[in-house]
């Protein structure tokens, strides 16, 4: 039982069932479950789930997004610290203003000071009537006494529930006392692991004989006898007095819970801002045709050599016939359909001329990337080698594209000037925005588009014929190589 404004901590050794229980309470445990989960007498449902925040042990965050002005970071580049990532994860769940917040090992992998800072942050969250349940493996004594209530698990069974300050007194009453000064959490974990008190404890030798299984069985039976009965009676009295809702009140509360905290269009707008649509326009339609084209010549090599050795046709006629009859309808049809649908859905500039220019830029990028893929396949004539070269080229062009990495080392900064995806991205930005455009970067706050980091690194200066000329050069070189 956890009341509004309280923090309950579930303690226990590894494998005791803390995460499994927390996941089940959050409605995220797959498979069949025995028993029943209710909240204030109501069965768990989608509306309740939307009012329940869940912070997993592993921080799942986009590495290229920020925590205010600092990049989150990931495996490829350094970002914020582990404690800051955990606060970001908690902050994400708090955006939905949950009534119940579940945290799985929020201090895992953190030093004592960072762990205390995280718990200090969490401690301030229930002030508005929010309920918090957290699992924690081995808290320091300072962190331990920050909780309102504690549940101690041992191999899936509770062996203590109550105030942190009375835990040692409870176990002492069972004969599990110690004469040394120790962190209460350490002593509780010893008991949960089946480790009894010191040898000179009088009641211990009679009850448990230092056998872990016997210790756990004794503590489980003691919980059922001393705590469980009292807790059931307390819960029953609360359900009768405090949670005896009328049908009208229950219906009214369910109606409130069925509502989402934000509108569908607002969610769509935020997600579009987060995924950098224009950059992925240039990346996806720059590399999808490349990978398709890589396999053309290697797969048709034997047939091509046989027919050309018989003098059936020129290589140029074969290339143009295949391009016009097979490749162009497929390679241009998909990006046209994609752009027509996604351009207007994405809330880009609703201007026919701007849309037409954007579509032409995407199609031109498709032609350039396709010719590069054909060139790789024709030069190497080996599927594995061509695919490897295409992957390396793709990775280098993405890194140098100006969105993910902005502080490019000087010795490879020149790569972006030979990357057709960079010019495609720059052309799309130039068509869509100008130096005088602003966007809402906060509530009631507007910022210049040109100052947004992923845009600033590329610039909004119209490269015009220069970018088009570079892409045309790429196209001509690839055709000559073919």
Protein backbone atom coordinates (compact mmCIF):
# COMPACT_ATOMS: atom_id res chain seq x y z
CA UNK A 1 0.00 0.00 0.00
CA UNK A 2 1.42 3.34 -1.13
CA UNK A 3 -0.53 6.54 -0.62
CA UNK A 4 -0.31 9.77 -2.66
CA UNK A 5 2.78 11.74 -1.75
CA UNK A 6 4.76 8.66 -0.68
CA UNK A 7 7.79 6.81 -2.05
CA UNK A 8 7.95 3.05 -1.61
CA UNK A 9 11.23 1.23 -2.27
CA UNK A 10 11.40 -2.44 -3.16
CA UNK A 11 14.67 -3.93 -1.91
CA UNK A 12 16.12 -7.35 -2.47
CA UNK A 13 19.10 -9.19 -3.94
CA UNK A 14 19.48 -9.93 -7.65
CA UNK A 15 16.83 -12.40 -8.78
CA UNK A 16 14.46 -11.65 -5.94
CA UNK A 17 11.70 -10.49 -8.31
CA UNK A 18 11.89 -6.70 -7.91
CA UNK A 19 11.90 -5.85 -11.62
CA UNK A 20 9.38 -8.57 -12.48
CA UNK A 21 6.92 -7.25 -9.90
CA UNK A 22 7.44 -3.64 -10.97
CA UNK A 23 6.98 -4.55 -14.64
CA UNK A 24 3.79 -6.42 -13.82
CA UNK A 25 2.44 -3.44 -11.86
CA UNK A 26 3.14 -1.20 -14.87
CA UNK A 27 1.26 -3.53 -17.24
CA UNK A 28 4.42 -4.25 -19.23
CA UNK A 29 5.02 -7.90 -18.39
CA UNK A 30 4.20 -10.21 -21.27
CA UNK A 31 2.80 -13.69 -20.77
CA UNK A 32 0.17 -15.03 -18.42
CA UNK A 33 0.01 -13.77 -14.84
CA UNK A 34 -1.66 -15.28 -11.82
CA UNK A 35 -3.43 -13.07 -9.35
CA UNK A 36 -5.09 -9.73 -9.96
CA UNK A 37 -3.77 -6.16 -10.25
CA UNK A 38 -6.09 -3.30 -9.28
CA UNK A 39 -5.58 0.38 -8.59
CA UNK A 40 -7.91 1.88 -6.01
CA UNK A 41 -10.22 -1.04 -6.64
CA UNK A 42 -10.21 -0.54 -10.44
CA UNK A 43 -8.85 -3.14 -12.84
CA UNK A 44 -5.76 -2.18 -14.81
CA UNK A 45 -6.69 -0.69 -18.20
CA UNK A 46 -5.33 1.49 -20.98
CA UNK A 47 -6.63 4.64 -19.33
CA UNK A 48 -4.81 3.78 -16.08
CA UNK A 49 -1.66 2.91 -18.04
CA UNK A 50 -1.65 6.42 -19.55
CA UNK A 51 -1.54 7.81 -16.01
CA UNK A 52 1.35 5.53 -15.07
CA UNK A 53 4.94 6.53 -15.81
CA UNK A 54 7.59 3.82 -16.14
CA UNK A 55 11.35 4.48 -16.08
CA UNK A 56 13.31 1.40 -17.12
CA UNK A 57 16.72 0.55 -15.73
CA UNK A 58 18.44 1.11 -19.09
CA UNK A 59 18.11 4.65 -20.43
CA UNK A 60 16.64 4.48 -23.94
CA UNK A 61 17.29 7.93 -25.40
CA UNK A 62 18.05 9.39 -28.81
CA UNK A 63 21.80 10.18 -28.66
CA UNK A 64 21.59 13.21 -30.98
CA UNK A 65 18.88 15.00 -28.99
CA UNK A 66 19.62 17.36 -26.06
CA UNK A 67 19.12 17.89 -22.51
CA UNK A 68 18.66 21.71 -22.82
CA UNK A 69 21.91 22.57 -24.68
CA UNK A 70 23.93 19.35 -24.14
CA UNK A 71 23.84 16.37 -26.47
CA UNK A 72 22.64 13.12 -24.89
CA UNK A 73 25.48 11.18 -26.52
CA UNK A 74 25.88 7.49 -27.15
CA UNK A 75 28.33 4.83 -28.23
CA UNK A 76 29.86 6.93 -31.01
CA UNK A 77 30.30 10.24 -29.19
CA UNK A 78 30.46 11.42 -25.61
CA UNK A 79 27.50 13.21 -24.08
CA UNK A 80 25.99 13.86 -20.68
CA UNK A 81 26.74 11.77 -17.57
CA UNK A 82 24.82 8.70 -16.39
CA UNK A 83 23.05 10.63 -13.66
CA UNK A 84 21.95 13.30 -16.12
CA UNK A 85 20.65 10.63 -18.52
CA UNK A 86 18.61 9.16 -15.69
CA UNK A 87 17.11 12.58 -14.91
CA UNK A 88 16.23 12.98 -18.61
CA UNK A 89 14.49 9.58 -18.55
CA UNK A 90 12.52 10.60 -15.47
CA UNK A 91 11.72 13.97 -17.04
CA UNK A 92 10.34 12.28 -20.16
CA UNK A 93 7.87 10.28 -18.09
CA UNK A 94 6.92 13.39 -16.08
CA UNK A 95 5.84 15.14 -19.29
CA UNK A 96 2.63 13.09 -19.13
CA UNK A 97 2.05 14.16 -15.49
CA UNK A 98 1.50 10.58 -14.22
CA UNK A 99 -0.35 9.85 -10.99
CA UNK A 100 1.86 6.82 -10.42
CA UNK A 101 5.56 6.71 -11.30
CA UNK A 102 7.44 3.39 -11.38
CA UNK A 103 11.24 3.46 -11.45
CA UNK A 104 13.41 0.40 -12.00
CA UNK A 105 16.85 0.75 -10.38
CA UNK A 106 17.19 4.54 -10.93
CA UNK A 107 20.58 4.56 -9.15
CA UNK A 108 22.10 1.58 -10.98
CA UNK A 109 25.70 2.23 -12.04
CA UNK A 110 25.92 5.56 -10.20
CA UNK A 111 28.24 6.55 -7.39
CA UNK A 112 26.83 7.32 -3.93
CA UNK A 113 26.67 11.09 -4.47
CA UNK A 114 24.99 10.83 -7.89
CA UNK A 115 22.54 8.27 -6.50
CA UNK A 116 21.60 10.62 -3.68
CA UNK A 117 21.06 13.47 -6.16
CA UNK A 118 18.75 11.28 -8.24
CA UNK A 119 16.75 10.29 -5.15
CA UNK A 120 16.63 13.93 -4.03
CA UNK A 121 15.10 14.77 -7.41
CA UNK A 122 12.64 11.88 -7.09
CA UNK A 123 11.83 12.92 -3.52
CA UNK A 124 10.41 16.21 -4.79
CA UNK A 125 8.06 14.58 -7.32
CA UNK A 126 5.35 13.26 -4.93
CA UNK A 127 4.72 16.74 -3.49
CA UNK A 128 1.76 17.23 -5.82
CA UNK A 129 0.05 14.03 -4.64
CA UNK A 130 1.96 11.69 -6.92
CA UNK A 131 2.76 8.12 -5.87
CA UNK A 132 6.21 6.66 -6.55
CA UNK A 133 7.40 3.05 -6.41
CA UNK A 134 11.05 2.28 -7.10
CA UNK A 135 13.24 -0.77 -7.04
CA UNK A 136 16.75 -0.36 -5.67
CA UNK A 137 19.51 -2.90 -5.22
CA UNK A 138 21.80 -1.64 -2.48
CA UNK A 139 21.14 1.93 -1.30
CA UNK A 140 23.43 3.85 0.99
CA UNK A 141 22.16 4.62 4.48
CA UNK A 142 21.44 8.23 3.44
CA UNK A 143 19.34 7.06 0.48
CA UNK A 144 17.65 4.34 2.54
CA UNK A 145 16.15 6.80 5.01
CA UNK A 146 14.77 8.98 2.18
CA UNK A 147 12.01 6.44 1.50
CA UNK A 148 8.61 6.55 3.19
CA UNK A 149 8.09 2.80 3.06
CA UNK A 150 10.16 -0.28 2.24
CA UNK A 151 9.30 -3.72 0.90
CA UNK A 152 11.97 -6.42 1.21
CA UNK A 153 11.74 -9.36 -1.23
CA UNK A 154 13.45 -12.73 -1.04
CA UNK A 155 13.08 -15.06 -4.04
CA UNK A 156 9.70 -13.58 -4.92
CA UNK A 157 8.29 -13.49 -1.37
CA UNK A 158 7.95 -10.40 0.84
CA UNK A 159 9.69 -10.66 4.20
CA UNK A 160 9.20 -7.06 5.39
CA UNK A 161 6.88 -4.15 4.69
CA UNK A 162 6.81 -0.94 6.68
CA UNK A 163 8.76 2.13 7.66
CA UNK A 164 12.52 2.12 6.99
CA UNK A 165 13.20 3.22 10.56
CA UNK A 166 11.39 0.22 12.11
CA UNK A 167 12.91 -2.51 9.91
CA UNK A 168 15.83 -3.29 12.23
CA UNK A 169 13.51 -3.31 15.23
CA UNK A 170 11.23 -5.82 13.48
CA UNK A 171 14.05 -8.23 12.64
CA UNK A 172 15.49 -7.84 16.12
CA UNK A 173 12.15 -8.99 17.51
CA UNK A 174 12.62 -12.18 15.49
CA UNK A 175 16.08 -12.75 16.96
CA UNK A 176 17.92 -11.25 13.97
CA UNK A 177 19.94 -8.62 15.81
CA UNK A 178 23.53 -7.49 15.37
CA UNK A 179 26.03 -5.87 17.67
CA UNK A 180 27.91 -3.94 14.97
CA UNK A 181 27.02 -0.64 13.35
CA UNK A 182 25.97 -1.39 9.78
CA UNK A 183 24.02 0.15 6.92
CA UNK A 184 20.40 -1.01 7.47
CA UNK A 185 20.04 -1.81 3.77
CA UNK A 186 23.07 -4.13 3.90
CA UNK A 187 21.60 -6.00 6.86
CA UNK A 188 18.22 -6.36 5.14
CA UNK A 189 19.89 -7.77 2.02
CA UNK A 190 21.78 -10.27 4.16
CA UNK A 191 18.49 -11.49 5.62
CA UNK A 192 16.91 -11.66 2.13
CA UNK A 193 19.85 -13.81 0.98
CA UNK A 194 19.27 -16.21 3.86
CA UNK A 195 22.20 -14.98 5.94
CA UNK A 196 21.23 -14.84 9.60
CA UNK A 197 22.58 -12.73 12.47
CA UNK A 198 25.85 -13.29 14.27
CA UNK A 199 26.52 -16.66 15.90
CA UNK A 200 26.09 -15.34 19.43
CA UNK A 201 22.47 -14.30 18.82
CA UNK A 202 20.52 -16.44 21.31
CA UNK A 203 17.37 -17.20 19.27
CA UNK A 204 19.16 -17.82 16.01
CA UNK A 205 20.76 -21.17 16.81
CA UNK A 206 17.41 -22.58 17.85
CA UNK A 207 15.48 -21.37 14.77
CA UNK A 208 17.65 -21.47 11.66
CA UNK A 209 20.99 -23.22 12.19
CA UNK A 210 22.57 -20.83 9.61
CA UNK A 211 20.90 -22.63 6.69
CA UNK A 212 19.85 -20.04 4.00
CA UNK A 213 16.72 -21.92 2.99
CA UNK A 214 15.61 -22.27 6.59
CA UNK A 215 16.30 -18.58 7.25
CA UNK A 216 14.14 -17.53 4.30
CA UNK A 217 11.31 -19.88 5.22
CA UNK A 218 11.35 -18.59 8.79
CA UNK A 219 11.23 -14.94 7.63
CA UNK A 220 8.45 -15.65 5.09
CA UNK A 221 6.29 -17.36 7.70
CA UNK A 222 7.00 -14.54 10.15
CA UNK A 223 5.84 -11.99 7.55
CA UNK A 224 2.61 -13.91 6.95
CA UNK A 225 1.99 -14.13 10.69
CA UNK A 226 3.02 -10.61 11.80
CA UNK A 227 2.62 -8.24 8.83
CA UNK A 228 0.38 -9.74 6.14
CA UNK A 229 -2.65 -10.22 8.41
CA UNK A 230 -2.42 -6.66 9.75
CA UNK A 231 -1.92 -5.24 6.22
CA UNK A 232 -4.96 -7.04 4.81
CA UNK A 233 -7.14 -5.66 7.58
CA UNK A 234 -5.79 -2.16 7.02
CA UNK A 235 -6.37 -2.34 3.27
CA UNK A 236 -9.91 -3.60 3.76
CA UNK A 237 -10.79 -0.75 6.10
CA UNK A 238 -9.36 1.77 3.64
CA UNK A 239 -11.30 0.30 0.71
CA UNK A 240 -14.52 0.56 2.67
CA UNK A 241 -13.97 4.08 3.98
CA UNK A 242 -11.80 5.95 1.46
CA UNK A 243 -12.29 4.19 -1.87
CA UNK A 244 -15.99 3.41 -1.73
CA UNK A 245 -16.76 5.40 -4.89
CA UNK A 246 -20.26 5.79 -6.23
CA UNK A 247 -20.98 4.66 -9.77
CA UNK A 248 -21.27 8.25 -11.02
CA UNK A 249 -17.92 9.25 -9.51
CA UNK A 250 -16.20 6.17 -10.95
CA UNK A 251 -17.63 6.86 -14.40
CA UNK A 252 -16.57 10.50 -14.21
CA UNK A 253 -13.02 9.52 -13.19
CA UNK A 254 -12.79 6.96 -15.99
CA UNK A 255 -13.85 9.60 -18.49
CA UNK A 256 -11.03 11.86 -17.30
CA UNK A 257 -8.48 9.05 -17.52
CA UNK A 258 -9.56 8.16 -21.07
CA UNK A 259 -8.36 11.55 -22.28
CA UNK A 260 -4.80 11.93 -23.56
CA UNK A 261 -2.72 14.69 -22.03
CA UNK A 262 -2.09 16.26 -25.45
CA UNK A 263 -3.87 16.29 -28.80
CA UNK A 264 -2.97 13.96 -31.65
CA UNK A 265 -1.77 16.86 -33.85
CA UNK A 266 0.47 18.20 -31.08
CA UNK A 267 2.05 14.77 -30.64
CA UNK A 268 2.55 14.53 -34.41
CA UNK A 269 4.12 17.99 -34.55
CA UNK A 270 6.62 17.25 -31.74
CA UNK A 271 7.62 13.91 -33.28
CA UNK A 272 8.22 15.57 -36.64
CA UNK A 273 10.49 18.13 -35.02
CA UNK A 274 12.38 15.34 -33.27
CA UNK A 275 13.18 13.18 -36.32
CA UNK A 276 14.66 15.87 -38.56
CA UNK A 277 12.45 15.27 -41.60
CA UNK A 278 14.43 17.20 -44.23
CA UNK A 279 17.69 15.47 -43.33
CA UNK A 280 16.08 12.05 -43.67
CA UNK A 281 14.51 13.11 -46.95
CA UNK A 282 18.01 13.59 -48.31
CA UNK A 283 19.52 10.53 -46.58
CA UNK A 284 16.87 7.91 -47.32
CA UNK A 285 16.23 8.82 -50.93
CA UNK A 286 19.94 9.22 -51.43
CA UNK A 287 20.90 5.74 -50.24
CA UNK A 288 17.91 3.51 -50.94
CA UNK A 289 18.43 3.70 -54.73
CA UNK A 290 22.19 3.29 -54.25
CA UNK A 291 21.81 -0.08 -52.54
CA UNK A 292 19.28 -1.26 -55.11
CA UNK A 293 21.54 -0.30 -58.01
CA UNK A 294 24.64 -1.96 -56.50
CA UNK A 295 23.27 -5.43 -57.33
CA UNK A 296 22.33 -4.69 -60.96
CA UNK A 297 25.56 -5.47 -62.82
CA UNK A 298 26.91 -8.25 -60.52
CA UNK A 299 23.65 -10.19 -60.75
CA UNK A 300 23.37 -9.85 -64.54
CA UNK A 301 27.08 -10.18 -65.22
CA UNK A 302 27.05 -13.64 -66.81
CA UNK A 303 24.11 -12.84 -69.09
CA UNK A 304 25.62 -9.49 -70.05
CA UNK A 305 29.00 -11.01 -70.93
CA UNK A 306 27.38 -13.80 -72.95
CA UNK A 307 25.13 -11.56 -75.02
CA UNK A 308 27.73 -8.86 -75.59
CA UNK A 309 30.35 -11.41 -76.63
CA UNK A 310 27.90 -12.49 -79.34
CA UNK A 311 27.70 -8.88 -80.52
CA UNK A 312 24.00 -8.53 -79.79
CA UNK A 313 24.06 -4.93 -78.50
CA UNK A 314 26.20 -2.08 -77.26
CA UNK A 315 26.73 -1.54 -73.55
CA UNK A 316 25.32 1.98 -73.81
CA UNK A 317 22.05 0.76 -75.35
CA UNK A 318 21.70 -1.88 -72.63
CA UNK A 319 22.29 0.67 -69.89
CA UNK A 320 19.84 3.25 -71.24
CA UNK A 321 17.17 0.65 -72.01
CA UNK A 322 17.36 -0.79 -68.50
CA UNK A 323 17.39 2.69 -66.93
CA UNK A 324 14.35 3.96 -68.86
CA UNK A 325 12.35 0.75 -68.86
CA UNK A 326 13.05 -0.68 -65.39
CA UNK A 327 14.98 1.53 -63.01
CA UNK A 328 13.43 4.97 -63.50
CA UNK A 329 9.77 3.94 -63.11
CA UNK A 330 10.60 2.09 -59.90
CA UNK A 331 13.23 4.42 -58.48
CA UNK A 332 11.29 7.63 -59.24
CA UNK A 333 7.77 6.37 -58.57
CA UNK A 334 8.33 5.62 -54.89
CA UNK A 335 9.99 8.94 -53.96
CA UNK A 336 7.30 10.85 -55.86
CA UNK A 337 4.54 9.08 -53.94
CA UNK A 338 6.45 9.49 -50.66
CA UNK A 339 7.08 13.21 -51.16
CA UNK A 340 3.52 13.98 -52.28
CA UNK A 341 2.11 12.37 -49.12
CA UNK A 342 4.72 13.26 -46.53
CA UNK A 343 5.43 16.85 -47.62
CA UNK A 344 1.92 18.03 -46.80
CA UNK A 345 1.57 15.80 -43.73
CA UNK A 346 4.83 17.17 -42.34
CA UNK A 347 3.66 20.77 -42.26
CA UNK A 348 6.36 22.03 -44.63
CA UNK A 349 5.91 25.29 -46.51
CA UNK A 350 2.46 25.01 -48.18
CA UNK A 351 3.54 26.58 -51.44
CA UNK A 352 3.21 24.78 -54.84
CA UNK A 353 6.49 26.23 -56.15
CA UNK A 354 8.41 25.20 -53.01
CA UNK A 355 6.88 21.73 -53.15
CA UNK A 356 7.83 21.32 -56.82
CA UNK A 357 11.42 22.39 -56.16
CA UNK A 358 11.68 20.03 -53.17
CA UNK A 359 10.37 17.14 -55.27
CA UNK A 360 12.84 17.88 -58.07
CA UNK A 361 15.73 18.00 -55.58
CA UNK A 362 14.73 14.61 -54.15
CA UNK A 363 14.39 13.07 -57.62
CA UNK A 364 17.76 14.47 -58.72
CA UNK A 365 19.35 12.99 -55.60
CA UNK A 366 17.78 9.63 -56.47
CA UNK A 367 19.34 9.71 -59.94
CA UNK A 368 22.78 10.61 -58.58
CA UNK A 369 22.74 7.90 -55.90
CA UNK A 370 21.47 5.31 -58.38
CA UNK A 371 24.26 6.09 -60.82
CA UNK A 372 26.81 5.80 -57.98
CA UNK A 373 25.42 2.37 -57.05
CA UNK A 374 25.58 1.24 -60.68
CA UNK A 375 29.18 2.45 -60.87
CA UNK A 376 30.18 0.48 -57.76
CA UNK A 377 28.57 -2.67 -59.15
CA UNK A 378 30.08 -2.25 -62.62
CA UNK A 379 33.62 -1.59 -61.33
CA UNK A 380 33.77 -4.41 -58.75
CA UNK A 381 31.39 -6.94 -60.33
CA UNK A 382 31.08 -8.62 -56.93
CA UNK A 383 27.99 -8.28 -54.75
CA UNK A 384 29.79 -8.49 -51.39
CA UNK A 385 32.56 -6.06 -52.32
CA UNK A 386 30.13 -3.59 -53.90
CA UNK A 387 27.79 -3.73 -50.89
CA UNK A 388 30.72 -3.18 -48.51
CA UNK A 389 31.95 -0.17 -50.50
CA UNK A 390 28.41 1.24 -50.60
CA UNK A 391 28.05 0.83 -46.81
CA UNK A 392 31.34 2.61 -46.10
CA UNK A 393 30.47 5.43 -48.50
CA UNK A 394 27.00 5.75 -46.97
CA UNK A 395 28.39 5.95 -43.42
CA UNK A 396 30.98 8.58 -44.34
CA UNK A 397 28.39 10.72 -46.17
CA UNK A 398 25.97 10.52 -43.20
CA UNK A 399 28.68 11.55 -40.74
CA UNK A 400 29.74 14.44 -42.96
CA UNK A 401 26.15 15.39 -43.83
CA UNK A 402 26.06 18.14 -41.21
CA UNK A 403 23.27 16.88 -38.95
CA UNK A 404 24.67 14.29 -36.52
CA UNK A 405 28.25 15.56 -36.24
CA UNK A 406 28.97 19.28 -36.40
CA UNK A 407 32.51 19.46 -35.03
CA UNK A 408 34.15 17.50 -37.85
CA UNK A 409 37.96 17.14 -37.57
CA UNK A 410 39.78 19.36 -40.10
CA UNK A 411 41.51 16.47 -41.85
CA UNK A 412 38.18 14.98 -43.02
CA UNK A 413 36.01 18.10 -43.21
CA UNK A 414 36.52 18.12 -46.99
CA UNK A 415 34.40 14.94 -47.28
CA UNK A 416 31.14 16.85 -47.02
CA UNK A 417 32.02 18.85 -50.12
CA UNK A 418 32.05 15.68 -52.21
CA UNK A 419 28.93 14.24 -50.53
CA UNK A 420 25.87 14.54 -52.74
CA UNK A 421 23.63 13.98 -49.67
CA UNK A 422 25.14 17.13 -48.11
CA UNK A 423 24.20 19.20 -51.17
CA UNK A 424 20.74 17.64 -51.29
CA UNK A 425 20.18 18.53 -47.61
CA UNK A 426 21.52 22.05 -48.19
CA UNK A 427 19.26 22.55 -51.21
CA UNK A 428 16.19 21.34 -49.29
CA UNK A 429 16.97 23.73 -46.41
CA UNK A 430 17.53 26.62 -48.80
CA UNK A 431 14.22 26.01 -50.55
CA UNK A 432 12.26 25.59 -47.32
CA UNK A 433 13.69 28.35 -45.08
CA UNK A 434 15.43 31.70 -45.16
CA UNK A 435 17.39 33.83 -42.70
CA UNK A 436 14.27 35.68 -41.53
CA UNK A 437 12.28 32.58 -40.52
CA UNK A 438 11.54 31.82 -36.84
CA UNK A 439 10.18 28.76 -35.01
CA UNK A 440 8.67 28.28 -31.54
CA UNK A 441 11.53 26.92 -29.40
CA UNK A 442 9.65 27.27 -26.12
CA UNK A 443 6.34 28.40 -24.73
CA UNK A 444 5.99 31.94 -26.05
CA UNK A 445 9.64 31.97 -27.16
CA UNK A 446 10.70 32.15 -30.80
CA UNK A 447 14.17 31.43 -32.20
CA UNK A 448 15.75 31.92 -35.60
CA UNK A 449 15.77 28.85 -37.80
CA UNK A 450 19.25 29.80 -38.95
CA UNK A 451 20.54 29.46 -35.36
CA UNK A 452 19.21 25.91 -34.90
CA UNK A 453 22.42 23.79 -34.60
CA UNK A 454 21.69 21.23 -37.36
CA UNK A 455 20.74 24.08 -39.70
CA UNK A 456 23.53 26.43 -38.63
CA UNK A 457 26.20 23.82 -39.35
CA UNK A 458 25.01 23.58 -42.96
CA UNK A 459 23.87 27.16 -43.46
CA UNK A 460 20.85 28.64 -45.20
CA UNK A 461 22.82 30.41 -47.92
CA UNK A 462 21.40 29.31 -51.27
CA UNK A 463 24.06 27.31 -53.06
CA UNK A 464 21.85 27.15 -56.16
CA UNK A 465 23.73 26.26 -59.31
CA UNK A 466 26.89 25.33 -57.33
CA UNK A 467 25.14 22.46 -55.50
CA UNK A 468 23.37 21.39 -58.67
CA UNK A 469 26.64 21.47 -60.61
CA UNK A 470 28.38 19.26 -58.03
CA UNK A 471 25.55 16.72 -58.16
CA UNK A 472 25.60 16.84 -61.97
CA UNK A 473 29.34 16.18 -61.89
CA UNK A 474 28.74 13.15 -59.67
CA UNK A 475 26.15 11.88 -62.12
CA UNK A 476 28.40 12.39 -65.17
CA UNK A 477 31.43 10.73 -63.51
CA UNK A 478 29.36 7.72 -62.47
CA UNK A 479 27.96 7.31 -66.00
CA UNK A 480 31.49 7.47 -67.47
CA UNK A 481 32.66 4.84 -64.99
CA UNK A 482 29.75 2.59 -65.97
